[in-house]
């Protein structure tokens, strides 16, 4: 059966949300992604699939508490821009992707609006 490569990346329920979240909010820790997108026990596998397909990079950030940080690759930013364009073309609202469990992430006392909503370096999803 013929399947385009994009199917391997986007057929998963949470992949598009992860990609758009990283595009709009920038680099996030795995824990932040789980809190904002889903606490599904398969989330680590979903991030691994995105990394394996060249959409995200996962790096260990050393500090007082080491943590894994996730960011879009250039290919990931290309996918994200296309997804945002598609969402807007059907009248969608990208702020939906900032919801986590029916709440705005910046309303959660553990997260700040600044850390969540700073636009990622690179092409802005709000232009063109």
PDB file of N, CA and C in Angstrom:
ATOM      1  N   UNK A   1       0.842  -1.169   0.000  1.00  0.00           N
ATOM      2  CA  UNK A   1       0.000   0.000   0.000  1.00  0.00           C
ATOM      3  C   UNK A   1       0.901   1.250   0.000  1.00  0.00           C
ATOM      4  N   UNK A   2       0.579   2.187  -0.845  1.00  0.00           N
ATOM      5  CA  UNK A   2       1.340   3.428  -0.913  1.00  0.00           C
ATOM      6  C   UNK A   2       0.929   4.375   0.211  1.00  0.00           C
ATOM      7  N   UNK A   3       1.920   4.918   0.882  1.00  0.00           N
ATOM      8  CA  UNK A   3       1.657   5.894   1.948  1.00  0.00           C
ATOM      9  C   UNK A   3       2.673   7.008   1.843  1.00  0.00           C
ATOM     10  N   UNK A   4       2.237   8.241   1.790  1.00  0.00           N
ATOM     11  CA  UNK A   4       3.205   9.335   1.768  1.00  0.00           C
ATOM     12  C   UNK A   4       3.926   9.415   3.114  1.00  0.00           C
ATOM     13  N   UNK A   5       5.153   9.906   3.116  1.00  0.00           N
ATOM     14  CA  UNK A   5       5.946  10.030   4.342  1.00  0.00           C
ATOM     15  C   UNK A   5       5.229  10.877   5.393  1.00  0.00           C
ATOM     16  N   UNK A   6       4.493  11.860   4.940  1.00  0.00           N
ATOM     17  CA  UNK A   6       3.794  12.745   5.880  1.00  0.00           C
ATOM     18  C   UNK A   6       2.822  11.960   6.767  1.00  0.00           C
ATOM     19  N   UNK A   7       2.304  10.830   6.263  1.00  0.00           N
ATOM     20  CA  UNK A   7       1.399  10.010   7.069  1.00  0.00           C
ATOM     21  C   UNK A   7       2.089   9.481   8.312  1.00  0.00           C
ATOM     22  N   UNK A   8       3.364   9.106   8.187  1.00  0.00           N
ATOM     23  CA  UNK A   8       4.110   8.611   9.340  1.00  0.00           C
ATOM     24  C   UNK A   8       4.247   9.666  10.427  1.00  0.00           C
ATOM     25  N   UNK A   9       4.205  10.915  10.028  1.00  0.00           N
ATOM     26  CA  UNK A   9       4.410  12.008  10.965  1.00  0.00           C
ATOM     27  C   UNK A   9       3.100  12.529  11.530  1.00  0.00           C
ATOM     28  N   UNK A  10       2.109  12.686  10.677  1.00  0.00           N
ATOM     29  CA  UNK A  10       0.890  13.384  11.094  1.00  0.00           C
ATOM     30  C   UNK A  10      -0.286  12.484  11.452  1.00  0.00           C
ATOM     31  N   UNK A  11      -0.180  11.185  11.230  1.00  0.00           N
ATOM     32  CA  UNK A  11      -1.339  10.338  11.510  1.00  0.00           C
ATOM     33  C   UNK A  11      -1.584  10.169  12.998  1.00  0.00           C
ATOM     34  N   UNK A  12      -0.597  10.427  13.819  1.00  0.00           N
ATOM     35  CA  UNK A  12      -0.766  10.298  15.255  1.00  0.00           C
ATOM     36  C   UNK A  12      -1.637  11.427  15.800  1.00  0.00           C
ATOM     37  N   UNK A  13      -2.463  11.091  16.750  1.00  0.00           N
ATOM     38  CA  UNK A  13      -3.433  12.036  17.318  1.00  0.00           C
ATOM     39  C   UNK A  13      -2.798  13.316  17.864  1.00  0.00           C
ATOM     40  N   UNK A  14      -1.625  13.229  18.479  1.00  0.00           N
ATOM     41  CA  UNK A  14      -1.051  14.391  19.145  1.00  0.00           C
ATOM     42  C   UNK A  14       0.084  15.076  18.386  1.00  0.00           C
ATOM     43  N   UNK A  15       0.531  14.496  17.283  1.00  0.00           N
ATOM     44  CA  UNK A  15       1.679  15.062  16.571  1.00  0.00           C
ATOM     45  C   UNK A  15       1.439  16.483  16.086  1.00  0.00           C
ATOM     46  N   UNK A  16       0.274  16.735  15.487  1.00  0.00           N
ATOM     47  CA  UNK A  16       0.021  18.084  14.988  1.00  0.00           C
ATOM     48  C   UNK A  16      -0.010  19.087  16.142  1.00  0.00           C
ATOM     49  N   UNK A  17      -0.587  18.700  17.267  1.00  0.00           N
ATOM     50  CA  UNK A  17      -0.631  19.606  18.415  1.00  0.00           C
ATOM     51  C   UNK A  17       0.777  19.907  18.932  1.00  0.00           C
ATOM     52  N   UNK A  18       1.625  18.904  18.990  1.00  0.00           N
ATOM     53  CA  UNK A  18       3.005  19.108  19.442  1.00  0.00           C
ATOM     54  C   UNK A  18       3.737  20.044  18.497  1.00  0.00           C
ATOM     55  N   UNK A  19       3.608  19.808  17.201  1.00  0.00           N
ATOM     56  CA  UNK A  19       4.304  20.621  16.207  1.00  0.00           C
ATOM     57  C   UNK A  19       3.851  22.071  16.274  1.00  0.00           C
ATOM     58  N   UNK A  20       2.551  22.302  16.313  1.00  0.00           N
ATOM     59  CA  UNK A  20       2.049  23.680  16.352  1.00  0.00           C
ATOM     60  C   UNK A  20       2.393  24.342  17.675  1.00  0.00           C
ATOM     61  N   UNK A  21       2.305  23.618  18.775  1.00  0.00           N
ATOM     62  CA  UNK A  21       2.683  24.180  20.073  1.00  0.00           C
ATOM     63  C   UNK A  21       4.128  24.665  20.055  1.00  0.00           C
ATOM     64  N   UNK A  22       5.042  23.852  19.545  1.00  0.00           N
ATOM     65  CA  UNK A  22       6.448  24.249  19.493  1.00  0.00           C
ATOM     66  C   UNK A  22       6.656  25.419  18.545  1.00  0.00           C
ATOM     67  N   UNK A  23       5.879  25.486  17.485  1.00  0.00           N
ATOM     68  CA  UNK A  23       6.001  26.600  16.530  1.00  0.00           C
ATOM     69  C   UNK A  23       5.547  27.906  17.165  1.00  0.00           C
ATOM     70  N   UNK A  24       4.444  27.863  17.875  1.00  0.00           N
ATOM     71  CA  UNK A  24       3.899  29.072  18.475  1.00  0.00           C
ATOM     72  C   UNK A  24       4.644  29.469  19.739  1.00  0.00           C
ATOM     73  N   UNK A  25       4.968  28.497  20.564  1.00  0.00           N
ATOM     74  CA  UNK A  25       5.550  28.781  21.884  1.00  0.00           C
ATOM     75  C   UNK A  25       7.055  28.612  21.954  1.00  0.00           C
ATOM     76  N   UNK A  26       7.656  27.981  20.977  1.00  0.00           N
ATOM     77  CA  UNK A  26       9.098  27.777  21.020  1.00  0.00           C
ATOM     78  C   UNK A  26       9.479  26.544  21.803  1.00  0.00           C
ATOM     79  N   UNK A  27      10.744  26.427  22.060  1.00  0.00           N
ATOM     80  CA  UNK A  27      11.332  25.271  22.740  1.00  0.00           C
ATOM     81  C   UNK A  27      10.661  24.993  24.083  1.00  0.00           C
ATOM     82  N   UNK A  28      10.364  23.739  24.333  1.00  0.00           N
ATOM     83  CA  UNK A  28       9.695  23.329  25.573  1.00  0.00           C
ATOM     84  C   UNK A  28      10.364  22.077  26.125  1.00  0.00           C
ATOM     85  N   UNK A  29      10.233  21.894  27.439  1.00  0.00           N
ATOM     86  CA  UNK A  29      10.686  20.638  28.033  1.00  0.00           C
ATOM     87  C   UNK A  29       9.637  19.567  27.733  1.00  0.00           C
ATOM     88  N   UNK A  30      10.060  18.315  27.831  1.00  0.00           N
ATOM     89  CA  UNK A  30       9.109  17.225  27.619  1.00  0.00           C
ATOM     90  C   UNK A  30       7.951  17.333  28.602  1.00  0.00           C
ATOM     91  N   UNK A  31       8.252  17.664  29.845  1.00  0.00           N
ATOM     92  CA  UNK A  31       7.203  17.782  30.861  1.00  0.00           C
ATOM     93  C   UNK A  31       6.199  18.861  30.494  1.00  0.00           C
ATOM     94  N   UNK A  32       6.675  20.005  29.996  1.00  0.00           N
ATOM     95  CA  UNK A  32       5.762  21.073  29.574  1.00  0.00           C
ATOM     96  C   UNK A  32       4.870  20.601  28.436  1.00  0.00           C
ATOM     97  N   UNK A  33       5.448  19.864  27.491  1.00  0.00           N
ATOM     98  CA  UNK A  33       4.652  19.350  26.369  1.00  0.00           C
ATOM     99  C   UNK A  33       3.589  18.391  26.881  1.00  0.00           C
ATOM    100  N   UNK A  34       3.961  17.490  27.790  1.00  0.00           N
ATOM    101  CA  UNK A  34       2.983  16.551  28.339  1.00  0.00           C
ATOM    102  C   UNK A  34       1.864  17.299  29.052  1.00  0.00           C
ATOM    103  N   UNK A  35       2.212  18.319  29.838  1.00  0.00           N
ATOM    104  CA  UNK A  35       1.206  19.094  30.570  1.00  0.00           C
ATOM    105  C   UNK A  35       0.276  19.857  29.635  1.00  0.00           C
ATOM    106  N   UNK A  36       0.807  20.336  28.511  1.00  0.00           N
ATOM    107  CA  UNK A  36       0.034  21.196  27.626  1.00  0.00           C
ATOM    108  C   UNK A  36      -0.722  20.438  26.544  1.00  0.00           C
ATOM    109  N   UNK A  37      -0.232  19.265  26.150  1.00  0.00           N
ATOM    110  CA  UNK A  37      -0.852  18.524  25.047  1.00  0.00           C
ATOM    111  C   UNK A  37      -1.620  17.306  25.562  1.00  0.00           C
ATOM    112  N   UNK A  38      -0.926  16.427  26.277  1.00  0.00           N
ATOM    113  CA  UNK A  38      -1.574  15.210  26.753  1.00  0.00           C
ATOM    114  C   UNK A  38      -0.672  14.508  27.755  1.00  0.00           C
ATOM    115  N   UNK A  39      -1.293  13.839  28.703  1.00  0.00           N
ATOM    116  CA  UNK A  39      -0.539  13.018  29.642  1.00  0.00           C
ATOM    117  C   UNK A  39      -0.630  11.545  29.254  1.00  0.00           C
ATOM    118  N   UNK A  40      -0.986  11.287  28.026  1.00  0.00           N
ATOM    119  CA  UNK A  40      -1.050   9.933  27.491  1.00  0.00           C
ATOM    120  C   UNK A  40       0.294   9.245  27.738  1.00  0.00           C
ATOM    121  N   UNK A  41       0.302   8.035  28.256  1.00  0.00           N
ATOM    122  CA  UNK A  41       1.560   7.341  28.529  1.00  0.00           C
ATOM    123  C   UNK A  41       2.422   7.089  27.282  1.00  0.00           C
ATOM    124  N   UNK A  42       1.833   7.217  26.102  1.00  0.00           N
ATOM    125  CA  UNK A  42       2.587   7.014  24.856  1.00  0.00           C
ATOM    126  C   UNK A  42       3.255   8.287  24.338  1.00  0.00           C
ATOM    127  N   UNK A  43       3.135   9.383  25.055  1.00  0.00           N
ATOM    128  CA  UNK A  43       3.735  10.644  24.593  1.00  0.00           C
ATOM    129  C   UNK A  43       5.241  10.538  24.337  1.00  0.00           C
ATOM    130  N   UNK A  44       6.025   9.861  25.172  1.00  0.00           N
ATOM    131  CA  UNK A  44       7.455   9.732  24.846  1.00  0.00           C
ATOM    132  C   UNK A  44       7.692   9.067  23.489  1.00  0.00           C
ATOM    133  N   UNK A  45       6.887   8.065  23.145  1.00  0.00           N
ATOM    134  CA  UNK A  45       7.027   7.411  21.841  1.00  0.00           C
ATOM    135  C   UNK A  45       6.643   8.361  20.711  1.00  0.00           C
ATOM    136  N   UNK A  46       5.660   9.202  20.955  1.00  0.00           N
ATOM    137  CA  UNK A  46       5.232  10.159  19.939  1.00  0.00           C
ATOM    138  C   UNK A  46       6.341  11.172  19.662  1.00  0.00           C
ATOM    139  N   UNK A  47       7.000  11.652  20.720  1.00  0.00           N
ATOM    140  CA  UNK A  47       8.126  12.572  20.545  1.00  0.00           C
ATOM    141  C   UNK A  47       9.290  11.867  19.858  1.00  0.00           C
ATOM    142  N   UNK A  48       9.535  10.619  20.215  1.00  0.00           N
ATOM    143  CA  UNK A  48      10.601   9.846  19.554  1.00  0.00           C
ATOM    144  C   UNK A  48      10.323   9.706  18.062  1.00  0.00           C
ATOM    145  N   UNK A  49       9.062   9.472  17.691  1.00  0.00           N
ATOM    146  CA  UNK A  49       8.693   9.355  16.279  1.00  0.00           C
ATOM    147  C   UNK A  49       8.955  10.676  15.543  1.00  0.00           C
ATOM    148  N   UNK A  50       8.590  11.787  16.159  1.00  0.00           N
ATOM    149  CA  UNK A  50       8.851  13.087  15.531  1.00  0.00           C
ATOM    150  C   UNK A  50      10.352  13.334  15.377  1.00  0.00           C
ATOM    151  N   UNK A  51      11.129  12.933  16.372  1.00  0.00           N
ATOM    152  CA  UNK A  51      12.591  13.090  16.294  1.00  0.00           C
ATOM    153  C   UNK A  51      13.162  12.178  15.203  1.00  0.00           C
ATOM    154  N   UNK A  52      12.706  10.939  15.145  1.00  0.00           N
ATOM    155  CA  UNK A  52      13.172   9.979  14.150  1.00  0.00           C
ATOM    156  C   UNK A  52      12.884  10.469  12.726  1.00  0.00           C
ATOM    157  N   UNK A  53      11.790  11.201  12.554  1.00  0.00           N
ATOM    158  CA  UNK A  53      11.419  11.720  11.231  1.00  0.00           C
ATOM    159  C   UNK A  53      11.997  13.107  10.952  1.00  0.00           C
ATOM    160  N   UNK A  54      12.839  13.611  11.850  1.00  0.00           N
ATOM    161  CA  UNK A  54      13.529  14.878  11.604  1.00  0.00           C
ATOM    162  C   UNK A  54      12.692  16.119  11.843  1.00  0.00           C
ATOM    163  N   UNK A  55      11.595  15.998  12.588  1.00  0.00           N
ATOM    164  CA  UNK A  55      10.704  17.133  12.841  1.00  0.00           C
ATOM    165  C   UNK A  55      11.131  17.895  14.093  1.00  0.00           C
ATOM    166  N   UNK A  56      11.592  17.182  15.108  1.00  0.00           N
ATOM    167  CA  UNK A  56      12.044  17.816  16.348  1.00  0.00           C
ATOM    168  C   UNK A  56      13.427  17.294  16.723  1.00  0.00           C
ATOM    169  N   UNK A  57      14.101  18.071  17.567  1.00  0.00           N
ATOM    170  CA  UNK A  57      15.324  17.600  18.211  1.00  0.00           C
ATOM    171  C   UNK A  57      15.055  17.568  19.707  1.00  0.00           C
ATOM    172  N   UNK A  58      15.654  16.590  20.360  1.00  0.00           N
ATOM    173  CA  UNK A  58      15.545  16.466  21.806  1.00  0.00           C
ATOM    174  C   UNK A  58      16.965  16.537  22.358  1.00  0.00           C
ATOM    175  N   UNK A  59      17.211  17.527  23.216  1.00  0.00           N
ATOM    176  CA  UNK A  59      18.534  17.691  23.791  1.00  0.00           C
ATOM    177  C   UNK A  59      18.433  17.733  25.311  1.00  0.00           C
ATOM    178  N   UNK A  60      19.473  17.223  25.949  1.00  0.00           N
ATOM    179  CA  UNK A  60      19.525  17.256  27.405  1.00  0.00           C
ATOM    180  C   UNK A  60      20.152  18.574  27.827  1.00  0.00           C
ATOM    181  N   UNK A  61      19.425  19.325  28.633  1.00  0.00           N
ATOM    182  CA  UNK A  61      19.904  20.611  29.137  1.00  0.00           C
ATOM    183  C   UNK A  61      20.383  20.393  30.566  1.00  0.00           C
ATOM    184  N   UNK A  62      21.665  20.602  30.773  1.00  0.00           N
ATOM    185  CA  UNK A  62      22.223  20.432  32.111  1.00  0.00           C
ATOM    186  C   UNK A  62      22.016  21.697  32.923  1.00  0.00           C
ATOM    187  N   UNK A  63      21.721  21.533  34.141  1.00  0.00           N
ATOM    188  CA  UNK A  63      21.502  22.639  35.066  1.00  0.00           C
ATOM    189  C   UNK A  63      21.340  22.048  36.442  1.00  0.00           C
ATOM    190  N   UNK A  64      20.734  22.812  37.329  1.00  0.00           N
ATOM    191  CA  UNK A  64      20.511  22.271  38.661  1.00  0.00           C
ATOM    192  C   UNK A  64      19.605  21.037  38.591  1.00  0.00           C
ATOM    193  N   UNK A  65      18.698  21.051  37.627  1.00  0.00           N
ATOM    194  CA  UNK A  65      17.844  19.882  37.355  1.00  0.00           C
ATOM    195  C   UNK A  65      17.915  19.595  35.866  1.00  0.00           C
ATOM    196  N   UNK A  66      18.681  18.580  35.448  1.00  0.00           N
ATOM    197  CA  UNK A  66      18.747  18.270  34.019  1.00  0.00           C
ATOM    198  C   UNK A  66      17.355  17.946  33.468  1.00  0.00           C
ATOM    199  N   UNK A  67      17.089  18.410  32.257  1.00  0.00           N
ATOM    200  CA  UNK A  67      15.800  18.106  31.632  1.00  0.00           C
ATOM    201  C   UNK A  67      15.969  18.026  30.123  1.00  0.00           C
ATOM    202  N   UNK A  68      15.092  17.277  29.502  1.00  0.00           N
ATOM    203  CA  UNK A  68      15.105  17.124  28.052  1.00  0.00           C
ATOM    204  C   UNK A  68      14.290  18.240  27.429  1.00  0.00           C
ATOM    205  N   UNK A  69      14.922  18.944  26.496  1.00  0.00           N
ATOM    206  CA  UNK A  69      14.257  20.047  25.802  1.00  0.00           C
ATOM    207  C   UNK A  69      13.960  19.630  24.362  1.00  0.00           C
ATOM    208  N   UNK A  70      12.790  20.052  23.875  1.00  0.00           N
ATOM    209  CA  UNK A  70      12.330  19.680  22.539  1.00  0.00           C
ATOM    210  C   UNK A  70      12.173  20.959  21.719  1.00  0.00           C
ATOM    211  N   UNK A  71      12.681  20.930  20.495  1.00  0.00           N
ATOM    212  CA  UNK A  71      12.576  22.081  19.606  1.00  0.00           C
ATOM    213  C   UNK A  71      12.346  21.586  18.184  1.00  0.00           C
ATOM    214  N   UNK A  72      11.764  22.441  17.363  1.00  0.00           N
ATOM    215  CA  UNK A  72      11.552  22.107  15.958  1.00  0.00           C
ATOM    216  C   UNK A  72      12.849  22.237  15.172  1.00  0.00           C
ATOM    217  N   UNK A  73      13.021  21.364  14.213  1.00  0.00           N
ATOM    218  CA  UNK A  73      14.103  21.472  13.244  1.00  0.00           C
ATOM    219  C   UNK A  73      13.616  22.406  12.127  1.00  0.00           C
ATOM    220  N   UNK A  74      14.484  22.787  11.195  1.00  0.00           N
ATOM    221  CA  UNK A  74      13.991  23.563  10.041  1.00  0.00           C
ATOM    222  C   UNK A  74      12.860  22.843   9.296  1.00  0.00           C
ATOM    223  N   UNK A  75      12.984  21.524   9.128  1.00  0.00           N
ATOM    224  CA  UNK A  75      11.901  20.765   8.492  1.00  0.00           C
ATOM    225  C   UNK A  75      10.631  20.840   9.338  1.00  0.00           C
ATOM    226  N   UNK A  76      10.770  20.761  10.652  1.00  0.00           N
ATOM    227  CA  UNK A  76       9.626  20.868  11.551  1.00  0.00           C
ATOM    228  C   UNK A  76       8.935  22.215  11.445  1.00  0.00           C
ATOM    229  N   UNK A  77       9.731  23.285  11.304  1.00  0.00           N
ATOM    230  CA  UNK A  77       9.128  24.616  11.138  1.00  0.00           C
ATOM    231  C   UNK A  77       8.367  24.709   9.818  1.00  0.00           C
ATOM    232  N   UNK A  78       8.875  24.037   8.787  1.00  0.00           N
ATOM    233  CA  UNK A  78       8.167  24.003   7.498  1.00  0.00           C
ATOM    234  C   UNK A  78       6.824  23.289   7.655  1.00  0.00           C
ATOM    235  N   UNK A  79       6.832  22.136   8.309  1.00  0.00           N
ATOM    236  CA  UNK A  79       5.581  21.418   8.579  1.00  0.00           C
ATOM    237  C   UNK A  79       4.630  22.301   9.384  1.00  0.00           C
ATOM    238  N   UNK A  80       5.153  22.938  10.445  1.00  0.00           N
ATOM    239  CA  UNK A  80       4.309  23.745  11.331  1.00  0.00           C
ATOM    240  C   UNK A  80       3.671  24.905  10.585  1.00  0.00           C
ATOM    241  N   UNK A  81       4.440  25.587   9.759  1.00  0.00           N
ATOM    242  CA  UNK A  81       3.872  26.707   9.003  1.00  0.00           C
ATOM    243  C   UNK A  81       2.750  26.211   8.101  1.00  0.00           C
ATOM    244  N   UNK A  82       2.964  25.079   7.444  1.00  0.00           N
ATOM    245  CA  UNK A  82       1.921  24.505   6.595  1.00  0.00           C
ATOM    246  C   UNK A  82       0.681  24.131   7.387  1.00  0.00           C
ATOM    247  N   UNK A  83       0.880  23.539   8.556  1.00  0.00           N
ATOM    248  CA  UNK A  83      -0.259  23.173   9.409  1.00  0.00           C
ATOM    249  C   UNK A  83      -1.023  24.414   9.864  1.00  0.00           C
ATOM    250  N   UNK A  84      -0.295  25.451  10.249  1.00  0.00           N
ATOM    251  CA  UNK A  84      -0.956  26.700  10.676  1.00  0.00           C
ATOM    252  C   UNK A  84      -1.720  27.322   9.516  1.00  0.00           C
ATOM    253  N   UNK A  85      -1.116  27.323   8.337  1.00  0.00           N
ATOM    254  CA  UNK A  85      -1.804  27.864   7.156  1.00  0.00           C
ATOM    255  C   UNK A  85      -3.080  27.072   6.862  1.00  0.00           C
ATOM    256  N   UNK A  86      -2.992  25.748   6.949  1.00  0.00           N
ATOM    257  CA  UNK A  86      -4.181  24.913   6.723  1.00  0.00           C
ATOM    258  C   UNK A  86      -5.260  25.202   7.764  1.00  0.00           C
ATOM    259  N   UNK A  87      -4.862  25.293   9.018  1.00  0.00           N
ATOM    260  CA  UNK A  87      -5.818  25.566  10.101  1.00  0.00           C
ATOM    261  C   UNK A  87      -6.532  26.897   9.859  1.00  0.00           C
ATOM    262  N   UNK A  88      -5.768  27.923   9.512  1.00  0.00           N
ATOM    263  CA  UNK A  88      -6.362  29.240   9.277  1.00  0.00           C
ATOM    264  C   UNK A  88      -7.249  29.243   8.029  1.00  0.00           C
ATOM    265  N   UNK A  89      -6.884  28.449   7.007  1.00  0.00           N
ATOM    266  CA  UNK A  89      -7.670  28.428   5.771  1.00  0.00           C
ATOM    267  C   UNK A  89      -9.059  27.832   5.975  1.00  0.00           C
ATOM    268  N   UNK A  90      -9.233  27.031   7.018  1.00  0.00           N
ATOM    269  CA  UNK A  90     -10.554  26.467   7.296  1.00  0.00           C
ATOM    270  C   UNK A  90     -11.247  27.211   8.436  1.00  0.00           C
ATOM    271  N   UNK A  91     -10.731  28.390   8.755  1.00  0.00           N
ATOM    272  CA  UNK A  91     -11.360  29.218   9.780  1.00  0.00           C
ATOM    273  C   UNK A  91     -11.025  28.820  11.196  1.00  0.00           C
ATOM    274  N   UNK A  92      -9.959  28.055  11.355  1.00  0.00           N
ATOM    275  CA  UNK A  92      -9.562  27.612  12.691  1.00  0.00           C
ATOM    276  C   UNK A  92      -8.955  28.733  13.514  1.00  0.00           C
ATOM    277  N   UNK A  93      -8.807  28.469  14.777  1.00  0.00           N
ATOM    278  CA  UNK A  93      -8.230  29.426  15.712  1.00  0.00           C
ATOM    279  C   UNK A  93      -7.015  28.772  16.340  1.00  0.00           C
ATOM    280  N   UNK A  94      -5.837  29.290  16.044  1.00  0.00           N
ATOM    281  CA  UNK A  94      -4.611  28.684  16.554  1.00  0.00           C
ATOM    282  C   UNK A  94      -4.503  28.743  18.059  1.00  0.00           C
ATOM    283  N   UNK A  95      -5.260  29.601  18.708  1.00  0.00           N
ATOM    284  CA  UNK A  95      -5.189  29.647  20.168  1.00  0.00           C
ATOM    285  C   UNK A  95      -5.707  28.344  20.774  1.00  0.00           C
ATOM    286  N   UNK A  96      -6.483  27.571  20.002  1.00  0.00           N
ATOM    287  CA  UNK A  96      -6.938  26.268  20.485  1.00  0.00           C
ATOM    288  C   UNK A  96      -5.764  25.362  20.826  1.00  0.00           C
ATOM    289  N   UNK A  97      -4.661  25.532  20.110  1.00  0.00           N
ATOM    290  CA  UNK A  97      -3.505  24.681  20.339  1.00  0.00           C
ATOM    291  C   UNK A  97      -2.768  25.047  21.617  1.00  0.00           C
ATOM    292  N   UNK A  98      -3.119  26.172  22.209  1.00  0.00           N
ATOM    293  CA  UNK A  98      -2.507  26.558  23.478  1.00  0.00           C
ATOM    294  C   UNK A  98      -3.328  26.078  24.660  1.00  0.00           C
ATOM    295  N   UNK A  99      -4.494  25.523  24.370  1.00  0.00           N
ATOM    296  CA  UNK A  99      -5.309  24.955  25.453  1.00  0.00           C
ATOM    297  C   UNK A  99      -4.684  23.655  25.933  1.00  0.00           C
ATOM    298  N   UNK A 100      -4.759  23.441  27.200  1.00  0.00           N
ATOM    299  CA  UNK A 100      -4.289  22.164  27.764  1.00  0.00           C
ATOM    300  C   UNK A 100      -5.348  21.717  28.758  1.00  0.00           C
ATOM    301  N   UNK A 101      -6.095  20.729  28.399  1.00  0.00           N
ATOM    302  CA  UNK A 101      -7.143  20.238  29.276  1.00  0.00           C
ATOM    303  C   UNK A 101      -8.243  21.254  29.529  1.00  0.00           C
ATOM    304  N   UNK A 102      -8.577  22.067  28.517  1.00  0.00           N
ATOM    305  CA  UNK A 102      -9.656  23.038  28.652  1.00  0.00           C
ATOM    306  C   UNK A 102      -9.257  24.326  29.344  1.00  0.00           C
ATOM    307  N   UNK A 103      -7.978  24.553  29.568  1.00  0.00           N
ATOM    308  CA  UNK A 103      -7.518  25.794  30.203  1.00  0.00           C
ATOM    309  C   UNK A 103      -6.399  26.393  29.354  1.00  0.00           C
ATOM    310  N   UNK A 104      -6.182  27.663  29.549  1.00  0.00           N
ATOM    311  CA  UNK A 104      -5.061  28.316  28.894  1.00  0.00           C
ATOM    312  C   UNK A 104      -3.809  28.013  29.699  1.00  0.00           C
ATOM    313  N   UNK A 105      -2.725  27.588  29.054  1.00  0.00           N
ATOM    314  CA  UNK A 105      -1.526  27.240  29.811  1.00  0.00           C
ATOM    315  C   UNK A 105      -1.012  28.386  30.671  1.00  0.00           C
ATOM    316  N   UNK A 106      -1.175  29.633  30.212  1.00  0.00           N
ATOM    317  CA  UNK A 106      -0.652  30.753  31.003  1.00  0.00           C
ATOM    318  C   UNK A 106      -1.517  31.056  32.220  1.00  0.00           C
ATOM    319  N   UNK A 107      -2.704  30.428  32.305  1.00  0.00           N
ATOM    320  CA  UNK A 107      -3.520  30.572  33.502  1.00  0.00           C
ATOM    321  C   UNK A 107      -3.098  29.591  34.589  1.00  0.00           C
ATOM    322  N   UNK A 108      -2.263  28.626  34.211  1.00  0.00           N
ATOM    323  CA  UNK A 108      -1.726  27.672  35.179  1.00  0.00           C
ATOM    324  C   UNK A 108      -0.595  28.365  35.929  1.00  0.00           C
ATOM    325  N   UNK A 109      -0.638  28.332  37.240  1.00  0.00           N
ATOM    326  CA  UNK A 109       0.358  29.045  38.031  1.00  0.00           C
ATOM    327  C   UNK A 109       1.773  28.532  37.788  1.00  0.00           C
ATOM    328  N   UNK A 110       1.919  27.326  37.240  1.00  0.00           N
ATOM    329  CA  UNK A 110       3.252  26.790  36.987  1.00  0.00           C
ATOM    330  C   UNK A 110       3.855  27.340  35.699  1.00  0.00           C
ATOM    331  N   UNK A 111       3.049  27.923  34.827  1.00  0.00           N
ATOM    332  CA  UNK A 111       3.533  28.409  33.549  1.00  0.00           C
ATOM    333  C   UNK A 111       3.213  29.886  33.410  1.00  0.00           C
ATOM    334  N   UNK A 112       4.077  30.615  32.769  1.00  0.00           N
ATOM    335  CA  UNK A 112       3.799  32.033  32.560  1.00  0.00           C
ATOM    336  C   UNK A 112       3.429  32.275  31.105  1.00  0.00           C
ATOM    337  N   UNK A 113       2.661  33.319  30.857  1.00  0.00           N
ATOM    338  CA  UNK A 113       2.280  33.666  29.492  1.00  0.00           C
ATOM    339  C   UNK A 113       3.521  33.949  28.661  1.00  0.00           C
ATOM    340  N   UNK A 114       4.504  34.609  29.243  1.00  0.00           N
ATOM    341  CA  UNK A 114       5.722  34.935  28.507  1.00  0.00           C
ATOM    342  C   UNK A 114       6.421  33.675  28.032  1.00  0.00           C
ATOM    343  N   UNK A 115       6.583  32.698  28.915  1.00  0.00           N
ATOM    344  CA  UNK A 115       7.300  31.488  28.518  1.00  0.00           C
ATOM    345  C   UNK A 115       6.510  30.696  27.490  1.00  0.00           C
ATOM    346  N   UNK A 116       5.198  30.774  27.530  1.00  0.00           N
ATOM    347  CA  UNK A 116       4.381  29.997  26.609  1.00  0.00           C
ATOM    348  C   UNK A 116       4.242  30.680  25.258  1.00  0.00           C
ATOM    349  N   UNK A 117       4.065  31.968  25.243  1.00  0.00           N
ATOM    350  CA  UNK A 117       3.631  32.621  24.016  1.00  0.00           C
ATOM    351  C   UNK A 117       4.707  33.369  23.255  1.00  0.00           C
ATOM    352  N   UNK A 118       5.946  33.305  23.697  1.00  0.00           N
ATOM    353  CA  UNK A 118       6.982  33.933  22.895  1.00  0.00           C
ATOM    354  C   UNK A 118       7.048  33.194  21.578  1.00  0.00           C
ATOM    355  N   UNK A 119       7.021  33.932  20.494  1.00  0.00           N
ATOM    356  CA  UNK A 119       7.068  33.269  19.193  1.00  0.00           C
ATOM    357  C   UNK A 119       8.434  32.665  18.978  1.00  0.00           C
ATOM    358  N   UNK A 120       8.434  31.514  18.354  1.00  0.00           N
ATOM    359  CA  UNK A 120       9.660  30.794  18.071  1.00  0.00           C
ATOM    360  C   UNK A 120      10.470  31.574  17.064  1.00  0.00           C
ATOM    361  N   UNK A 121      11.790  31.536  17.220  1.00  0.00           N
ATOM    362  CA  UNK A 121      12.662  32.170  16.227  1.00  0.00           C
ATOM    363  C   UNK A 121      12.398  31.522  14.874  1.00  0.00           C
ATOM    364  N   UNK A 122      12.398  32.309  13.863  1.00  0.00           N
ATOM    365  CA  UNK A 122      12.101  31.778  12.532  1.00  0.00           C
ATOM    366  C   UNK A 122      10.822  32.418  12.034  1.00  0.00           C
ATOM    367  N   UNK A 123      10.266  31.885  10.966  1.00  0.00           N
ATOM    368  CA  UNK A 123       9.072  32.495  10.380  1.00  0.00           C
ATOM    369  C   UNK A 123       7.907  32.465  11.360  1.00  0.00           C
ATOM    370  N   UNK A 124       7.242  33.587  11.467  1.00  0.00           N
ATOM    371  CA  UNK A 124       6.111  33.701  12.387  1.00  0.00           C
ATOM    372  C   UNK A 124       4.880  33.070  11.782  1.00  0.00           C
ATOM    373  N   UNK A 125       4.097  32.327  12.596  1.00  0.00           N
ATOM    374  CA  UNK A 125       2.875  31.726  12.047  1.00  0.00           C
ATOM    375  C   UNK A 125       1.820  32.772  11.750  1.00  0.00           C
ATOM    376  N   UNK A 126       2.012  33.990  12.195  1.00  0.00           N
ATOM    377  CA  UNK A 126       1.012  35.039  12.002  1.00  0.00           C
ATOM    378  C   UNK A 126       1.258  35.855  10.745  1.00  0.00           C
ATOM    379  N   UNK A 127       2.338  35.586  10.032  1.00  0.00           N
ATOM    380  CA  UNK A 127       2.628  36.344   8.829  1.00  0.00           C
ATOM    381  C   UNK A 127       2.327  35.497   7.612  1.00  0.00           C
ATOM    382  N   UNK A 128       2.155  36.164   6.499  1.00  0.00           N
ATOM    383  CA  UNK A 128       1.874  35.618   5.169  1.00  0.00           C
ATOM    384  C   UNK A 128       0.588  34.894   5.028  1.00  0.00           C
TER     385      UNK A 128
END
